[in-house]
Amino acid sequence: MKIIVHKIGNKILGEDIELSDEELSLNEDTQDLLKTYFLGSFKDESTYHFYSDSYLVNNNLYNCIVGIFGNILSFKSLSEVIAKYLFEAAENPRIQGGDLFVVYFPAVDEKDVDKIGIFKTEKKEPFLKVFPNESDPIEVDRGFSLSKIDKAALIYNKDEESGYVLSVVDNNKNGDMYYWFEDFLKVKQRTDGFFHTQESLNVFKDYIKKQLPSEFEVSKADQADFLNKSINFFKKKEEFKLEEFNNEVLGDEKVIESFNAFKTDYEQDMQINIAEEFPISDGAVKKSQAKFKSIIKLDTNFHIYVHGDRNKLEQDQDEKGHFYKLYYEKEQ
């Protein structure tokens, strides 16, 4: 593993950039600790690729990565170029300076690929050093926590022609959501199984909650049933097919026609294209599941959580007001 660290200030605030003269020389334990810290930053399965508004070769960072993987220039030289790009990308006074780590991770086996990591730590926290046998037993210092990285990008050495494959994290946006993803990296989410699963679930949720009740006479219980059927479809299937989903979940021809029109408008508004067939990503389903909680809110008195059989839920009214009947076999 190669690793070098540069200090990056905010040029808008008159801060400077400090480039290291050489790579870090670390013992094996420290390397393992940092490797776990860096690579453990990526919890999300969504992936990205470099892009340019014109030609991919006009993406400066992409060219640096090509240079490192292709051994065109030294790792140290290209890490300095990356540091300068990051320094110039700061156009907002709220962006915090910090330490920039550029790391080269060689492949560990035949199934693995070389990777380049770009990590920035910004938030420094106080910590204590304890020396019980000395005259000053406690010393206060500041450093970054190993619990969560502020900004990270991991570039895999594959799909070079398409802008590589990246995992990207920004846990400290500092009031500027474009600085890391757009101004520096210039990346877009890849349209893979995770993307199509995530976007399909988004469009189904929006349709069921917004469009369906405006066009058809559906109760909150009916909406809850549609939400449950939608998420369960994705949980049970390995591959998504739109026609299959329409028949099994939506059912009614008029509802299917209405949904297809809504999906087309959604794609145009979001400037994306959602495939009609794709492998379902379990990670995207788990990430979206919380949005599919089927809750019927009754004034400020009760909430009904609907998890399953719609037929065990009836709605009616009498002289006291509206009411629901819930049928069950046993209490738990």
Protein backbone atom coordinates (compact mmCIF):
# COMPACT_ATOMS: atom_id res chain seq x y z
CA MET A 1 0.00 0.00 0.00
CA LYS A 2 1.32 3.46 -0.94
CA ILE A 3 0.12 6.44 1.06
CA ILE A 4 0.89 10.14 1.02
CA VAL A 5 -0.77 13.00 2.89
CA HIS A 6 -1.04 16.69 1.94
CA LYS A 7 -2.56 19.56 3.91
CA ILE A 8 -5.31 21.44 2.08
CA GLY A 9 -6.53 24.86 3.22
CA ASN A 10 -9.40 26.99 1.95
CA LYS A 11 -8.02 29.45 -0.62
CA ILE A 12 -11.06 31.74 -0.20
CA LEU A 13 -10.02 32.26 3.43
CA GLY A 14 -6.39 32.91 2.48
CA GLU A 15 -5.26 29.48 3.68
CA ASP A 16 -2.50 27.61 1.90
CA ILE A 17 -1.68 24.15 0.59
CA GLU A 18 1.24 22.12 2.00
CA LEU A 19 2.56 19.26 -0.13
CA SER A 20 4.49 16.38 1.41
CA ASP A 21 7.98 15.61 0.17
CA GLU A 22 7.61 11.85 0.31
CA GLU A 23 5.25 8.94 0.94
CA LEU A 24 4.54 7.88 4.51
CA SER A 25 6.60 5.01 5.91
CA LEU A 26 4.33 3.14 8.30
CA ASN A 27 4.64 -0.08 10.26
CA GLU A 28 2.32 -2.97 9.43
CA ASP A 29 -0.06 -2.39 12.36
CA THR A 30 -0.59 1.27 11.45
CA GLN A 31 -1.12 0.36 7.79
CA ASP A 32 -3.75 -2.22 8.75
CA LEU A 33 -5.49 0.28 11.04
CA LEU A 34 -5.64 2.95 8.32
CA LYS A 35 -6.71 0.43 5.67
CA THR A 36 -9.63 -0.66 7.85
CA TYR A 37 -10.52 2.99 8.51
CA PHE A 38 -10.39 4.02 4.86
CA LEU A 39 -12.08 1.01 3.27
CA GLY A 40 -14.69 0.76 6.03
CA SER A 41 -16.02 4.17 5.01
CA PHE A 42 -18.17 2.80 2.18
CA LYS A 43 -21.46 1.43 3.52
CA ASP A 44 -23.59 2.33 0.47
CA GLU A 45 -23.64 0.01 -2.56
CA SER A 46 -24.30 2.84 -5.04
CA THR A 47 -21.43 3.39 -7.47
CA TYR A 48 -20.36 6.33 -9.66
CA HIS A 49 -18.26 7.13 -12.72
CA PHE A 50 -16.25 10.13 -13.85
CA TYR A 51 -17.90 12.26 -16.52
CA SER A 52 -17.39 15.46 -18.46
CA ASP A 53 -19.80 17.86 -20.16
CA SER A 54 -17.78 17.36 -23.35
CA TYR A 55 -15.22 14.54 -23.55
CA LEU A 56 -14.15 12.28 -20.68
CA VAL A 57 -10.49 13.22 -21.19
CA ASN A 58 -11.45 16.76 -20.13
CA ASN A 59 -12.14 15.51 -16.61
CA ASN A 60 -8.90 16.47 -14.83
CA LEU A 61 -9.17 13.95 -12.01
CA TYR A 62 -9.97 11.13 -14.45
CA ASN A 63 -6.71 11.90 -16.26
CA CYS A 64 -4.78 11.72 -12.97
CA ILE A 65 -6.23 8.30 -12.21
CA VAL A 66 -5.37 7.04 -15.70
CA GLY A 67 -1.84 8.28 -15.07
CA ILE A 68 -1.50 6.46 -11.74
CA PHE A 69 -2.94 3.15 -12.93
CA GLY A 70 -0.88 3.36 -16.14
CA ASN A 71 2.39 4.30 -14.36
CA ILE A 72 2.68 7.35 -16.62
CA LEU A 73 4.03 9.54 -13.81
CA SER A 74 5.07 8.81 -10.23
CA PHE A 75 2.44 8.26 -7.56
CA LYS A 76 3.83 11.21 -5.58
CA SER A 77 3.68 13.61 -8.56
CA LEU A 78 0.11 12.73 -9.44
CA SER A 79 -0.98 12.92 -5.79
CA GLU A 80 0.31 16.52 -5.79
CA VAL A 81 -1.77 17.28 -8.91
CA ILE A 82 -4.84 15.80 -7.17
CA ALA A 83 -4.16 17.96 -4.10
CA LYS A 84 -3.95 21.11 -6.24
CA TYR A 85 -7.24 20.28 -7.97
CA LEU A 86 -8.92 19.85 -4.58
CA PHE A 87 -7.44 23.14 -3.35
CA GLU A 88 -8.75 25.00 -6.41
CA ALA A 89 -12.20 23.38 -6.07
CA ALA A 90 -12.90 25.27 -2.83
CA GLU A 91 -15.10 28.20 -3.88
CA ASN A 92 -17.05 28.44 -0.63
CA PRO A 93 -15.74 29.95 2.64
CA ARG A 94 -17.66 27.32 4.64
CA ILE A 95 -15.53 24.49 3.25
CA GLN A 96 -13.14 23.29 5.93
CA GLY A 97 -9.48 22.64 5.32
CA GLY A 98 -7.97 19.31 6.32
CA ASP A 99 -5.62 16.47 5.56
CA LEU A 100 -5.79 14.82 2.14
CA PHE A 101 -4.72 11.18 1.97
CA VAL A 102 -4.04 9.67 -1.45
CA VAL A 103 -3.66 5.90 -1.17
CA TYR A 104 -2.79 3.16 -3.66
CA PHE A 105 -4.29 -0.25 -2.76
CA PRO A 106 -2.79 -3.09 -4.85
CA ALA A 107 -5.04 -6.05 -5.70
CA VAL A 108 -4.88 -8.79 -3.05
CA ASP A 109 -5.81 -11.70 -5.35
CA GLU A 110 -6.85 -12.54 -8.93
CA LYS A 111 -10.48 -11.56 -8.29
CA ASP A 112 -9.50 -8.16 -6.93
CA VAL A 113 -8.35 -5.03 -8.83
CA ASP A 114 -5.99 -2.20 -7.94
CA LYS A 115 -7.71 0.76 -6.25
CA ILE A 116 -6.90 4.40 -5.60
CA GLY A 117 -8.35 6.08 -2.55
CA ILE A 118 -8.78 9.82 -2.03
CA PHE A 119 -9.71 10.68 1.55
CA LYS A 120 -10.11 14.04 3.27
CA THR A 121 -10.37 14.51 7.04
CA GLU A 122 -11.78 17.86 8.19
CA LYS A 123 -13.27 17.63 11.68
CA LYS A 124 -10.68 17.50 14.44
CA GLU A 125 -11.79 16.45 17.90
CA PRO A 126 -10.12 16.83 21.29
CA PHE A 127 -8.69 13.73 22.94
CA LEU A 128 -6.65 12.97 26.06
CA LYS A 129 -3.23 11.39 26.40
CA VAL A 130 -2.65 9.89 29.84
CA PHE A 131 0.83 9.55 31.41
CA PRO A 132 0.13 8.31 34.97
CA ASN A 133 3.77 8.26 36.15
CA GLU A 134 4.74 11.75 35.00
CA SER A 135 4.40 15.21 36.58
CA ASP A 136 1.80 16.25 33.96
CA PRO A 137 -0.29 13.04 33.77
CA ILE A 138 -2.89 14.27 31.25
CA GLU A 139 -2.25 16.04 27.96
CA VAL A 140 -4.98 17.42 25.68
CA ASP A 141 -4.52 17.14 21.93
CA ARG A 142 -6.67 17.30 18.79
CA GLY A 143 -6.97 14.83 15.93
CA PHE A 144 -9.46 13.08 13.65
CA SER A 145 -11.62 10.18 14.80
CA LEU A 146 -11.29 6.74 13.20
CA SER A 147 -15.04 6.18 13.49
CA LYS A 148 -16.13 8.03 10.33
CA ILE A 149 -14.33 9.70 7.41
CA ASP A 150 -15.45 13.16 6.30
CA LYS A 151 -14.94 12.71 2.55
CA ALA A 152 -13.86 9.66 0.58
CA ALA A 153 -13.62 8.31 -2.95
CA LEU A 154 -12.40 4.86 -3.96
CA ILE A 155 -11.61 4.31 -7.64
CA TYR A 156 -11.51 0.72 -8.94
CA ASN A 157 -9.24 -0.08 -11.89
CA LYS A 158 -12.01 -1.28 -14.18
CA ASP A 159 -14.23 0.23 -16.91
CA GLU A 160 -11.64 2.90 -17.71
CA GLU A 161 -13.36 3.78 -21.01
CA SER A 162 -16.61 4.52 -19.15
CA GLY A 163 -15.02 6.64 -16.41
CA TYR A 164 -14.03 3.87 -14.00
CA VAL A 165 -16.13 2.57 -11.09
CA LEU A 166 -16.14 4.67 -7.89
CA SER A 167 -17.56 4.48 -4.40
CA VAL A 168 -18.04 7.99 -2.97
CA VAL A 169 -18.88 9.36 0.48
CA ASP A 170 -19.41 12.90 1.79
CA ASN A 171 -20.28 12.97 5.50
CA ASN A 172 -19.46 16.65 6.06
CA LYS A 173 -20.99 18.85 3.37
CA ASN A 174 -20.20 22.13 5.20
CA GLY A 175 -23.19 23.78 3.56
CA ASP A 176 -21.81 22.97 0.09
CA MET A 177 -23.26 19.78 -1.41
CA TYR A 178 -21.45 20.21 -4.75
CA TYR A 179 -17.85 20.63 -3.60
CA TRP A 180 -16.85 16.95 -3.37
CA PHE A 181 -19.10 15.23 -5.91
CA GLU A 182 -19.34 17.91 -8.59
CA ASP A 183 -16.62 20.54 -8.29
CA PHE A 184 -13.78 18.17 -7.42
CA LEU A 185 -14.57 14.60 -8.51
CA LYS A 186 -17.17 15.41 -11.19
CA VAL A 187 -18.98 12.07 -10.94
CA LYS A 188 -22.44 10.70 -11.71
CA GLN A 189 -24.17 7.63 -10.35
CA ARG A 190 -23.76 4.56 -12.56
CA THR A 191 -26.94 3.11 -14.03
CA ASP A 192 -26.47 -0.40 -12.64
CA GLY A 193 -28.82 -2.75 -10.75
CA PHE A 194 -28.57 -0.65 -7.58
CA PHE A 195 -29.52 2.51 -9.48
CA HIS A 196 -32.49 0.93 -11.30
CA THR A 197 -33.77 -0.75 -8.11
CA GLN A 198 -33.49 2.48 -6.14
CA GLU A 199 -35.15 4.66 -8.77
CA SER A 200 -37.91 2.13 -9.48
CA LEU A 201 -38.82 2.03 -5.80
CA ASN A 202 -38.79 5.84 -5.69
CA VAL A 203 -41.19 6.13 -8.61
CA PHE A 204 -43.54 3.45 -7.22
CA LYS A 205 -43.62 5.14 -3.81
CA ASP A 206 -44.32 8.57 -5.33
CA TYR A 207 -47.04 7.19 -7.58
CA ILE A 208 -48.82 5.31 -4.78
CA LYS A 209 -48.67 8.20 -2.31
CA LYS A 210 -49.34 11.13 -4.66
CA GLN A 211 -50.82 10.19 -8.03
CA LEU A 212 -52.93 7.11 -7.25
CA PRO A 213 -55.31 8.81 -4.74
CA SER A 214 -55.73 11.82 -7.03
CA GLU A 215 -56.97 9.68 -9.94
CA PHE A 216 -58.76 6.78 -8.25
CA GLU A 217 -60.95 6.22 -5.22
CA VAL A 218 -58.50 4.50 -2.92
CA SER A 219 -58.47 4.47 0.86
CA LYS A 220 -55.41 4.81 3.06
CA ALA A 221 -55.70 1.07 3.62
CA ASP A 222 -55.56 0.49 -0.16
CA GLN A 223 -52.46 2.70 -0.41
CA ALA A 224 -50.85 0.75 2.42
CA ASP A 225 -51.62 -2.48 0.58
CA PHE A 226 -50.00 -1.19 -2.64
CA LEU A 227 -46.89 -0.12 -0.71
CA ASN A 228 -46.59 -3.52 0.96
CA LYS A 229 -47.08 -5.39 -2.31
CA SER A 230 -44.45 -3.20 -4.02
CA ILE A 231 -41.67 -3.69 -1.49
CA ASN A 232 -42.50 -7.41 -1.06
CA PHE A 233 -42.25 -7.89 -4.83
CA PHE A 234 -38.68 -6.57 -4.74
CA LYS A 235 -37.82 -8.68 -1.69
CA LYS A 236 -38.98 -11.93 -3.24
CA LYS A 237 -37.69 -11.53 -6.80
CA GLU A 238 -34.11 -11.71 -8.06
CA GLU A 239 -34.91 -9.93 -11.33
CA PHE A 240 -37.32 -7.09 -12.01
CA LYS A 241 -39.66 -7.17 -15.01
CA LEU A 242 -42.04 -4.24 -15.38
CA GLU A 243 -44.83 -6.27 -17.01
CA GLU A 244 -44.68 -8.81 -14.18
CA PHE A 245 -44.79 -6.03 -11.58
CA ASN A 246 -47.76 -4.37 -13.27
CA ASN A 247 -49.74 -7.61 -13.29
CA GLU A 248 -48.88 -8.81 -9.77
CA VAL A 249 -48.91 -5.50 -7.88
CA LEU A 250 -50.97 -2.92 -9.77
CA GLY A 251 -53.41 -5.35 -11.38
CA ASP A 252 -56.03 -2.98 -12.83
CA GLU A 253 -55.52 -1.93 -16.48
CA LYS A 254 -56.43 1.71 -15.84
CA VAL A 255 -54.03 1.88 -12.89
CA ILE A 256 -51.26 0.34 -15.01
CA GLU A 257 -51.88 2.88 -17.78
CA SER A 258 -51.86 5.72 -15.26
CA PHE A 259 -48.64 4.47 -13.66
CA ASN A 260 -46.83 4.12 -17.00
CA ALA A 261 -47.68 7.74 -17.82
CA PHE A 262 -46.48 8.83 -14.37
CA LYS A 263 -43.21 6.88 -14.83
CA THR A 264 -42.57 8.59 -18.18
CA ASP A 265 -43.09 12.04 -16.64
CA TYR A 266 -40.85 11.09 -13.69
CA GLU A 267 -38.03 10.03 -16.02
CA GLN A 268 -38.30 13.27 -17.98
CA ASP A 269 -38.35 15.43 -14.85
CA MET A 270 -35.39 13.60 -13.28
CA GLN A 271 -33.57 13.25 -16.63
CA ILE A 272 -33.03 9.54 -16.13
CA ASN A 273 -34.05 6.32 -17.83
CA ILE A 274 -35.27 3.45 -15.63
CA ALA A 275 -34.88 0.03 -17.27
CA GLU A 276 -37.91 -2.26 -17.56
CA GLU A 277 -35.80 -5.33 -16.73
CA PHE A 278 -32.79 -5.50 -14.39
CA PRO A 279 -31.27 -7.59 -11.57
CA ILE A 280 -32.68 -6.46 -8.22
CA SER A 281 -30.15 -5.08 -5.71
CA ASP A 282 -30.80 -6.30 -2.16
CA GLY A 283 -28.80 -3.33 -0.85
CA ALA A 284 -31.05 -0.82 -2.62
CA VAL A 285 -34.17 -2.62 -1.33
CA LYS A 286 -32.91 -2.48 2.27
CA LYS A 287 -31.98 1.19 1.87
CA SER A 288 -35.45 2.08 0.53
CA GLN A 289 -37.48 -0.12 2.87
CA ALA A 290 -38.04 2.57 5.52
CA LYS A 291 -39.83 4.73 2.92
CA PHE A 292 -42.40 1.96 2.41
CA LYS A 293 -43.70 1.87 5.96
CA SER A 294 -47.45 1.61 5.65
CA ILE A 295 -48.92 3.76 8.42
CA ILE A 296 -52.50 5.00 8.63
CA LYS A 297 -52.64 8.05 10.91
CA LEU A 298 -55.99 8.61 12.65
CA ASP A 299 -56.26 12.16 14.01
CA THR A 300 -53.79 12.47 16.91
CA ASN A 301 -55.06 9.38 18.73
CA PHE A 302 -53.94 6.30 16.81
CA HIS A 303 -51.53 5.01 14.17
CA ILE A 304 -52.21 1.72 12.38
CA TYR A 305 -49.14 -0.07 11.00
CA VAL A 306 -50.16 -2.27 8.08
CA HIS A 307 -47.74 -5.11 7.32
CA GLY A 308 -49.77 -7.69 5.44
CA ASP A 309 -53.20 -8.98 4.45
CA ARG A 310 -55.45 -6.11 3.33
CA ASN A 311 -58.55 -8.33 3.77
CA LYS A 312 -58.09 -8.28 7.56
CA LEU A 313 -58.68 -4.54 7.65
CA GLU A 314 -62.17 -3.01 7.19
CA GLN A 315 -63.26 0.61 7.30
CA ASP A 316 -66.76 1.93 8.12
CA GLN A 317 -68.60 4.62 10.08
CA ASP A 318 -71.47 4.93 12.56
CA GLU A 319 -72.99 7.63 14.76
CA LYS A 320 -69.72 7.92 16.72
CA GLY A 321 -67.60 8.52 13.61
CA HIS A 322 -65.28 6.64 11.26
CA PHE A 323 -63.71 3.38 12.45
CA TYR A 324 -61.51 0.47 11.37
CA LYS A 325 -62.04 -3.21 12.14
CA LEU A 326 -58.87 -5.29 12.51
CA TYR A 327 -59.09 -9.09 12.32
CA TYR A 328 -56.37 -11.24 13.90
CA GLU A 329 -55.79 -14.75 15.23
CA LYS A 330 -53.68 -14.01 18.32
CA GLU A 331 -51.98 -11.20 20.19
CA GLN A 332 -48.20 -11.11 20.28
